All heavy atoms as atom14 arrays in JSON, in Angstrom:
{
  "sequence": "PVAFEVALAPLGATGTLADRVRAHYVGMHAHATSARDG",
  "atom14_mask": [
    [1, 1, 1, 1, 1, 1, 1, 0, 0, 0, 0, 0, 0, 0],
    [1, 1, 1, 1, 1, 1, 1, 0, 0, 0, 0, 0, 0, 0],
    [1, 1, 1, 1, 1, 0, 0, 0, 0, 0, 0, 0, 0, 0],
    [1, 1, 1, 1, 1, 1, 1, 1, 1, 1, 1, 0, 0, 0],
    [1, 1, 1, 1, 1, 1, 1, 1, 1, 0, 0, 0, 0, 0],
    [1, 1, 1, 1, 1, 1, 1, 0, 0, 0, 0, 0, 0, 0],
    [1, 1, 1, 1, 1, 0, 0, 0, 0, 0, 0, 0, 0, 0],
    [1, 1, 1, 1, 1, 1, 1, 1, 0, 0, 0, 0, 0, 0],
    [1, 1, 1, 1, 1, 0, 0, 0, 0, 0, 0, 0, 0, 0],
    [1, 1, 1, 1, 1, 1, 1, 0, 0, 0, 0, 0, 0, 0],
    [1, 1, 1, 1, 1, 1, 1, 1, 0, 0, 0, 0, 0, 0],
    [1, 1, 1, 1, 0, 0, 0, 0, 0, 0, 0, 0, 0, 0],
    [1, 1, 1, 1, 1, 0, 0, 0, 0, 0, 0, 0, 0, 0],
    [1, 1, 1, 1, 1, 1, 1, 0, 0, 0, 0, 0, 0, 0],
    [1, 1, 1, 1, 0, 0, 0, 0, 0, 0, 0, 0, 0, 0],
    [1, 1, 1, 1, 1, 1, 1, 0, 0, 0, 0, 0, 0, 0],
    [1, 1, 1, 1, 1, 1, 1, 1, 0, 0, 0, 0, 0, 0],
    [1, 1, 1, 1, 1, 0, 0, 0, 0, 0, 0, 0, 0, 0],
    [1, 1, 1, 1, 1, 1, 1, 1, 0, 0, 0, 0, 0, 0],
    [1, 1, 1, 1, 1, 1, 1, 1, 1, 1, 1, 0, 0, 0],
    [1, 1, 1, 1, 1, 1, 1, 0, 0, 0, 0, 0, 0, 0],
    [1, 1, 1, 1, 1, 1, 1, 1, 1, 1, 1, 0, 0, 0],
    [1, 1, 1, 1, 1, 0, 0, 0, 0, 0, 0, 0, 0, 0],
    [1, 1, 1, 1, 1, 1, 1, 1, 1, 1, 0, 0, 0, 0],
    [1, 1, 1, 1, 1, 1, 1, 1, 1, 1, 1, 1, 0, 0],
    [1, 1, 1, 1, 1, 1, 1, 0, 0, 0, 0, 0, 0, 0],
    [1, 1, 1, 1, 0, 0, 0, 0, 0, 0, 0, 0, 0, 0],
    [1, 1, 1, 1, 1, 1, 1, 1, 0, 0, 0, 0, 0, 0],
    [1, 1, 1, 1, 1, 1, 1, 1, 1, 1, 0, 0, 0, 0],
    [1, 1, 1, 1, 1, 0, 0, 0, 0, 0, 0, 0, 0, 0],
    [1, 1, 1, 1, 1, 1, 1, 1, 1, 1, 0, 0, 0, 0],
    [1, 1, 1, 1, 1, 0, 0, 0, 0, 0, 0, 0, 0, 0],
    [1, 1, 1, 1, 1, 1, 1, 0, 0, 0, 0, 0, 0, 0],
    [1, 1, 1, 1, 1, 1, 0, 0, 0, 0, 0, 0, 0, 0],
    [1, 1, 1, 1, 1, 0, 0, 0, 0, 0, 0, 0, 0, 0],
    [1, 1, 1, 1, 1, 1, 1, 1, 1, 1, 1, 0, 0, 0],
    [1, 1, 1, 1, 1, 1, 1, 1, 0, 0, 0, 0, 0, 0],
    [1, 1, 1, 1, 0, 0, 0, 0, 0, 0, 0, 0, 0, 0]
  ],
  "atom14_positions": [
    [[60.54, 77.74, 52.35], [59.81, 76.54, 52.77], [60.0, 75.36, 51.83], [59.84, 74.21, 52.23], [58.35, 77.01, 52.78], [58.3, 78.16, 51.84], [59.63, 78.83, 51.96], [0.0, 0.0, 0.0], [0.0, 0.0, 0.0], [0.0, 0.0, 0.0], [0.0, 0.0, 0.0], [0.0, 0.0, 0.0], [0.0, 0.0, 0.0], [0.0, 0.0, 0.0]],
    [[60.37, 75.62, 50.58], [60.64, 74.53, 49.64], [61.95, 73.84, 50.01], [62.04, 72.61, 50.03], [60.69, 75.06, 48.19], [61.04, 73.94, 47.22], [59.36, 75.71, 47.81], [0.0, 0.0, 0.0], [0.0, 0.0, 0.0], [0.0, 0.0, 0.0], [0.0, 0.0, 0.0], [0.0, 0.0, 0.0], [0.0, 0.0, 0.0], [0.0, 0.0, 0.0]],
    [[62.96, 74.63, 50.34], [64.24, 74.05, 50.75], [64.08, 73.21, 52.01], [64.68, 72.13, 52.14], [65.27, 75.16, 50.99], [0.0, 0.0, 0.0], [0.0, 0.0, 0.0], [0.0, 0.0, 0.0], [0.0, 0.0, 0.0], [0.0, 0.0, 0.0], [0.0, 0.0, 0.0], [0.0, 0.0, 0.0], [0.0, 0.0, 0.0], [0.0, 0.0, 0.0]],
    [[63.23, 73.68, 52.93], [63.04, 72.92, 54.16], [62.17, 71.69, 53.95], [62.3, 70.71, 54.67], [62.49, 73.83, 55.27], [63.57, 74.67, 55.89], [63.74, 75.99, 55.51], [64.45, 74.13, 56.8], [64.76, 76.76, 56.05], [65.48, 74.88, 57.35], [65.63, 76.2, 56.97], [0.0, 0.0, 0.0], [0.0, 0.0, 0.0], [0.0, 0.0, 0.0]],
    [[61.31, 71.72, 52.95], [60.57, 70.5, 52.62], [61.55, 69.43, 52.13], [61.46, 68.27, 52.55], [59.53, 70.77, 51.54], [58.77, 69.5, 51.15], [57.78, 69.73, 50.03], [57.95, 70.68, 49.25], [56.83, 68.94, 49.93], [0.0, 0.0, 0.0], [0.0, 0.0, 0.0], [0.0, 0.0, 0.0], [0.0, 0.0, 0.0], [0.0, 0.0, 0.0]],
    [[62.47, 69.81, 51.28], [63.47, 68.86, 50.77], [64.28, 68.29, 51.93], [64.59, 67.09, 51.96], [64.38, 69.55, 49.75], [65.53, 68.63, 49.35], [63.59, 69.97, 48.52], [0.0, 0.0, 0.0], [0.0, 0.0, 0.0], [0.0, 0.0, 0.0], [0.0, 0.0, 0.0], [0.0, 0.0, 0.0], [0.0, 0.0, 0.0], [0.0, 0.0, 0.0]],
    [[64.63, 69.14, 52.9], [65.46, 68.7, 54.03], [64.7, 67.84, 55.01], [65.26, 66.88, 55.57], [66.03, 69.93, 54.74], [0.0, 0.0, 0.0], [0.0, 0.0, 0.0], [0.0, 0.0, 0.0], [0.0, 0.0, 0.0], [0.0, 0.0, 0.0], [0.0, 0.0, 0.0], [0.0, 0.0, 0.0], [0.0, 0.0, 0.0], [0.0, 0.0, 0.0]],
    [[63.41, 68.14, 55.23], [62.68, 67.49, 56.32], [61.74, 66.38, 55.89], [61.41, 65.51, 56.71], [61.88, 68.56, 57.09], [62.71, 69.7, 57.7], [61.8, 70.71, 58.38], [63.74, 69.17, 58.69], [0.0, 0.0, 0.0], [0.0, 0.0, 0.0], [0.0, 0.0, 0.0], [0.0, 0.0, 0.0], [0.0, 0.0, 0.0], [0.0, 0.0, 0.0]],
    [[61.31, 66.36, 54.64], [60.39, 65.32, 54.18], [60.95, 63.91, 54.37], [60.19, 63.01, 54.77], [60.01, 65.56, 52.72], [0.0, 0.0, 0.0], [0.0, 0.0, 0.0], [0.0, 0.0, 0.0], [0.0, 0.0, 0.0], [0.0, 0.0, 0.0], [0.0, 0.0, 0.0], [0.0, 0.0, 0.0], [0.0, 0.0, 0.0], [0.0, 0.0, 0.0]],
    [[62.25, 63.66, 54.14], [62.76, 62.31, 54.35], [62.67, 61.84, 55.8], [62.79, 60.64, 56.08], [64.23, 62.42, 53.91], [64.25, 63.57, 52.96], [63.26, 64.54, 53.51], [0.0, 0.0, 0.0], [0.0, 0.0, 0.0], [0.0, 0.0, 0.0], [0.0, 0.0, 0.0], [0.0, 0.0, 0.0], [0.0, 0.0, 0.0], [0.0, 0.0, 0.0]],
    [[62.44, 62.78, 56.72], [62.32, 62.43, 58.14], [60.87, 62.22, 58.53], [60.57, 62.04, 59.71], [62.94, 63.54, 59.0], [64.38, 63.91, 58.66], [64.87, 65.03, 59.57], [65.29, 62.7, 58.78], [0.0, 0.0, 0.0], [0.0, 0.0, 0.0], [0.0, 0.0, 0.0], [0.0, 0.0, 0.0], [0.0, 0.0, 0.0], [0.0, 0.0, 0.0]],
    [[59.98, 62.26, 57.56], [58.57, 62.04, 57.84], [57.78, 63.28, 58.17], [56.67, 63.19, 58.69], [0.0, 0.0, 0.0], [0.0, 0.0, 0.0], [0.0, 0.0, 0.0], [0.0, 0.0, 0.0], [0.0, 0.0, 0.0], [0.0, 0.0, 0.0], [0.0, 0.0, 0.0], [0.0, 0.0, 0.0], [0.0, 0.0, 0.0], [0.0, 0.0, 0.0]],
    [[58.34, 64.46, 57.87], [57.61, 65.7, 58.13], [56.32, 65.73, 57.33], [56.31, 65.47, 56.13], [58.48, 66.9, 57.77], [0.0, 0.0, 0.0], [0.0, 0.0, 0.0], [0.0, 0.0, 0.0], [0.0, 0.0, 0.0], [0.0, 0.0, 0.0], [0.0, 0.0, 0.0], [0.0, 0.0, 0.0], [0.0, 0.0, 0.0], [0.0, 0.0, 0.0]],
    [[55.23, 66.07, 58.0], [53.91, 66.04, 57.38], [53.38, 67.42, 57.02], [52.3, 67.54, 56.45], [52.91, 65.36, 58.32], [52.87, 66.08, 59.57], [53.3, 63.91, 58.59], [0.0, 0.0, 0.0], [0.0, 0.0, 0.0], [0.0, 0.0, 0.0], [0.0, 0.0, 0.0], [0.0, 0.0, 0.0], [0.0, 0.0, 0.0], [0.0, 0.0, 0.0]],
    [[54.12, 68.47, 57.36], [53.63, 69.83, 57.17], [53.5, 70.21, 55.7], [54.25, 69.74, 54.84], [0.0, 0.0, 0.0], [0.0, 0.0, 0.0], [0.0, 0.0, 0.0], [0.0, 0.0, 0.0], [0.0, 0.0, 0.0], [0.0, 0.0, 0.0], [0.0, 0.0, 0.0], [0.0, 0.0, 0.0], [0.0, 0.0, 0.0], [0.0, 0.0, 0.0]],
    [[52.54, 71.07, 55.43], [52.32, 71.61, 54.1], [53.18, 72.86, 53.91], [53.87, 73.32, 54.83], [50.86, 72.0, 53.91], [50.55, 73.07, 54.85], [49.94, 70.82, 54.17], [0.0, 0.0, 0.0], [0.0, 0.0, 0.0], [0.0, 0.0, 0.0], [0.0, 0.0, 0.0], [0.0, 0.0, 0.0], [0.0, 0.0, 0.0], [0.0, 0.0, 0.0]],
    [[53.14, 73.43, 52.7], [53.82, 74.69, 52.45], [53.35, 75.75, 53.44], [54.16, 76.49, 54.02], [53.55, 75.15, 51.01], [54.08, 76.53, 50.63], [55.6, 76.54, 50.63], [53.55, 76.95, 49.26], [0.0, 0.0, 0.0], [0.0, 0.0, 0.0], [0.0, 0.0, 0.0], [0.0, 0.0, 0.0], [0.0, 0.0, 0.0], [0.0, 0.0, 0.0]],
    [[52.04, 75.83, 53.65], [51.5, 76.82, 54.58], [52.0, 76.58, 56.0], [52.26, 77.53, 56.75], [49.97, 76.79, 54.56], [0.0, 0.0, 0.0], [0.0, 0.0, 0.0], [0.0, 0.0, 0.0], [0.0, 0.0, 0.0], [0.0, 0.0, 0.0], [0.0, 0.0, 0.0], [0.0, 0.0, 0.0], [0.0, 0.0, 0.0], [0.0, 0.0, 0.0]],
    [[52.15, 75.32, 56.38], [52.68, 75.0, 57.71], [54.11, 75.49, 57.87], [54.5, 76.01, 58.93], [52.64, 73.5, 57.97], [51.23, 72.95, 58.11], [50.36, 73.69, 58.62], [51.0, 71.8, 57.7], [0.0, 0.0, 0.0], [0.0, 0.0, 0.0], [0.0, 0.0, 0.0], [0.0, 0.0, 0.0], [0.0, 0.0, 0.0], [0.0, 0.0, 0.0]],
    [[54.91, 75.33, 56.81], [56.3, 75.75, 56.9], [56.44, 77.27, 56.88], [57.39, 77.81, 57.45], [57.12, 75.09, 55.79], [57.27, 73.58, 55.98], [58.22, 72.97, 54.97], [57.77, 73.16, 53.6], [56.87, 72.39, 52.98], [56.3, 71.38, 53.63], [56.52, 72.63, 51.73], [0.0, 0.0, 0.0], [0.0, 0.0, 0.0], [0.0, 0.0, 0.0]],
    [[55.52, 77.96, 56.25], [55.5, 79.41, 56.34], [55.16, 79.83, 57.76], [55.83, 80.67, 58.37], [54.49, 80.01, 55.33], [54.24, 81.49, 55.61], [55.0, 79.82, 53.91], [0.0, 0.0, 0.0], [0.0, 0.0, 0.0], [0.0, 0.0, 0.0], [0.0, 0.0, 0.0], [0.0, 0.0, 0.0], [0.0, 0.0, 0.0], [0.0, 0.0, 0.0]],
    [[54.12, 79.22, 58.31], [53.71, 79.53, 59.69], [54.8, 79.17, 60.68], [54.96, 79.82, 61.72], [52.42, 78.78, 60.01], [51.84, 79.11, 61.39], [50.49, 78.43, 61.59], [49.88, 78.79, 62.84], [50.11, 78.15, 64.0], [50.91, 77.09, 64.02], [49.52, 78.55, 65.11], [0.0, 0.0, 0.0], [0.0, 0.0, 0.0], [0.0, 0.0, 0.0]],
    [[55.58, 78.12, 60.36], [56.6, 77.64, 61.29], [57.6, 78.72, 61.66], [58.1, 78.75, 62.79], [57.32, 76.44, 60.67], [0.0, 0.0, 0.0], [0.0, 0.0, 0.0], [0.0, 0.0, 0.0], [0.0, 0.0, 0.0], [0.0, 0.0, 0.0], [0.0, 0.0, 0.0], [0.0, 0.0, 0.0], [0.0, 0.0, 0.0], [0.0, 0.0, 0.0]],
    [[57.9, 79.61, 60.72], [58.84, 80.69, 61.05], [58.29, 81.55, 62.18], [59.02, 81.89, 63.13], [59.13, 81.56, 59.83], [59.85, 82.82, 60.21], [61.17, 82.84, 60.59], [59.4, 84.11, 60.33], [61.52, 84.09, 60.91], [60.46, 84.87, 60.75], [0.0, 0.0, 0.0], [0.0, 0.0, 0.0], [0.0, 0.0, 0.0], [0.0, 0.0, 0.0]],
    [[57.02, 81.93, 62.09], [56.45, 82.83, 63.08], [56.25, 82.12, 64.43], [56.43, 82.74, 65.49], [55.14, 83.41, 62.55], [55.37, 84.26, 61.33], [55.15, 83.75, 60.05], [55.86, 85.56, 61.44], [55.4, 84.51, 58.92], [56.1, 86.33, 60.32], [55.87, 85.8, 59.06], [56.13, 86.55, 57.95], [0.0, 0.0, 0.0], [0.0, 0.0, 0.0]],
    [[55.91, 80.84, 64.38], [55.84, 80.07, 65.62], [57.23, 80.0, 66.25], [57.4, 80.14, 67.47], [55.3, 78.65, 65.35], [55.33, 77.81, 66.63], [53.87, 78.71, 64.81], [0.0, 0.0, 0.0], [0.0, 0.0, 0.0], [0.0, 0.0, 0.0], [0.0, 0.0, 0.0], [0.0, 0.0, 0.0], [0.0, 0.0, 0.0], [0.0, 0.0, 0.0]],
    [[58.24, 79.83, 65.4], [59.61, 79.82, 65.89], [60.01, 81.15, 66.5], [60.68, 81.19, 67.55], [0.0, 0.0, 0.0], [0.0, 0.0, 0.0], [0.0, 0.0, 0.0], [0.0, 0.0, 0.0], [0.0, 0.0, 0.0], [0.0, 0.0, 0.0], [0.0, 0.0, 0.0], [0.0, 0.0, 0.0], [0.0, 0.0, 0.0], [0.0, 0.0, 0.0]],
    [[59.62, 82.26, 65.88], [59.96, 83.57, 66.43], [59.23, 83.85, 67.74], [59.75, 84.54, 68.62], [59.66, 84.66, 65.4], [60.6, 84.66, 64.2], [62.36, 84.7, 64.65], [62.49, 86.28, 65.49], [0.0, 0.0, 0.0], [0.0, 0.0, 0.0], [0.0, 0.0, 0.0], [0.0, 0.0, 0.0], [0.0, 0.0, 0.0], [0.0, 0.0, 0.0]],
    [[58.03, 83.3, 67.88], [57.32, 83.42, 69.15], [58.09, 82.66, 70.23], [58.26, 83.14, 71.37], [55.9, 82.88, 69.02], [55.1, 82.97, 70.29], [55.03, 81.92, 71.18], [54.34, 83.97, 70.81], [54.28, 82.27, 72.2], [53.84, 83.52, 72.0], [0.0, 0.0, 0.0], [0.0, 0.0, 0.0], [0.0, 0.0, 0.0], [0.0, 0.0, 0.0]],
    [[58.56, 81.46, 69.9], [59.37, 80.69, 70.84], [60.67, 81.43, 71.16], [61.15, 81.42, 72.31], [59.66, 79.31, 70.27], [0.0, 0.0, 0.0], [0.0, 0.0, 0.0], [0.0, 0.0, 0.0], [0.0, 0.0, 0.0], [0.0, 0.0, 0.0], [0.0, 0.0, 0.0], [0.0, 0.0, 0.0], [0.0, 0.0, 0.0], [0.0, 0.0, 0.0]],
    [[61.25, 82.06, 70.16], [62.45, 82.86, 70.33], [62.19, 84.01, 71.31], [63.0, 84.29, 72.2], [62.86, 83.39, 68.94], [64.1, 84.21, 68.9], [64.16, 85.52, 69.29], [65.35, 83.89, 68.47], [65.38, 85.99, 69.11], [66.14, 85.03, 68.61], [0.0, 0.0, 0.0], [0.0, 0.0, 0.0], [0.0, 0.0, 0.0], [0.0, 0.0, 0.0]],
    [[61.05, 84.68, 71.16], [60.71, 85.82, 72.0], [60.48, 85.43, 73.45], [60.78, 86.19, 74.37], [59.48, 86.53, 71.45], [0.0, 0.0, 0.0], [0.0, 0.0, 0.0], [0.0, 0.0, 0.0], [0.0, 0.0, 0.0], [0.0, 0.0, 0.0], [0.0, 0.0, 0.0], [0.0, 0.0, 0.0], [0.0, 0.0, 0.0], [0.0, 0.0, 0.0]],
    [[59.91, 84.25, 73.66], [59.53, 83.82, 75.01], [60.53, 82.86, 75.63], [60.3, 82.35, 76.72], [58.14, 83.17, 74.97], [58.14, 82.07, 74.04], [57.08, 84.18, 74.54], [0.0, 0.0, 0.0], [0.0, 0.0, 0.0], [0.0, 0.0, 0.0], [0.0, 0.0, 0.0], [0.0, 0.0, 0.0], [0.0, 0.0, 0.0], [0.0, 0.0, 0.0]],
    [[61.65, 82.63, 74.95], [62.66, 81.68, 75.44], [63.29, 82.16, 76.74], [63.52, 83.36, 76.94], [63.75, 81.49, 74.37], [64.8, 80.69, 74.87], [0.0, 0.0, 0.0], [0.0, 0.0, 0.0], [0.0, 0.0, 0.0], [0.0, 0.0, 0.0], [0.0, 0.0, 0.0], [0.0, 0.0, 0.0], [0.0, 0.0, 0.0], [0.0, 0.0, 0.0]],
    [[63.6, 81.2, 77.6], [64.31, 81.5, 78.84], [65.82, 81.42, 78.64], [66.59, 81.67, 79.57], [63.88, 80.54, 79.94], [0.0, 0.0, 0.0], [0.0, 0.0, 0.0], [0.0, 0.0, 0.0], [0.0, 0.0, 0.0], [0.0, 0.0, 0.0], [0.0, 0.0, 0.0], [0.0, 0.0, 0.0], [0.0, 0.0, 0.0], [0.0, 0.0, 0.0]],
    [[66.25, 81.06, 77.44], [67.68, 80.95, 77.16], [68.29, 82.32, 76.92], [67.59, 83.32, 76.74], [67.91, 80.06, 75.93], [67.34, 78.66, 76.03], [67.58, 77.93, 74.72], [66.82, 76.7, 74.61], [67.28, 75.5, 74.93], [68.51, 75.37, 75.39], [66.51, 74.43, 74.77], [0.0, 0.0, 0.0], [0.0, 0.0, 0.0], [0.0, 0.0, 0.0]],
    [[69.61, 82.36, 76.87], [70.33, 83.6, 76.63], [71.12, 83.52, 75.33], [71.46, 82.44, 74.85], [71.31, 83.88, 77.79], [70.6, 84.13, 79.11], [69.57, 84.84, 79.09], [71.07, 83.63, 80.15], [0.0, 0.0, 0.0], [0.0, 0.0, 0.0], [0.0, 0.0, 0.0], [0.0, 0.0, 0.0], [0.0, 0.0, 0.0], [0.0, 0.0, 0.0]],
    [[71.44, 84.72, 74.8], [72.31, 84.8, 73.63], [71.77, 84.03, 72.44], [70.57, 83.93, 72.22], [0.0, 0.0, 0.0], [0.0, 0.0, 0.0], [0.0, 0.0, 0.0], [0.0, 0.0, 0.0], [0.0, 0.0, 0.0], [0.0, 0.0, 0.0], [0.0, 0.0, 0.0], [0.0, 0.0, 0.0], [0.0, 0.0, 0.0], [0.0, 0.0, 0.0]]
  ]
}
């Protein structure tokens, strides 16, 4: 999450460290429920 703060903060990202930790699991939920393939 520190590396992603460095990458995303210049774009105006407002998330905290805890948000970026949670972001992985939110992302995996989206991954699980995605209608896309491969």
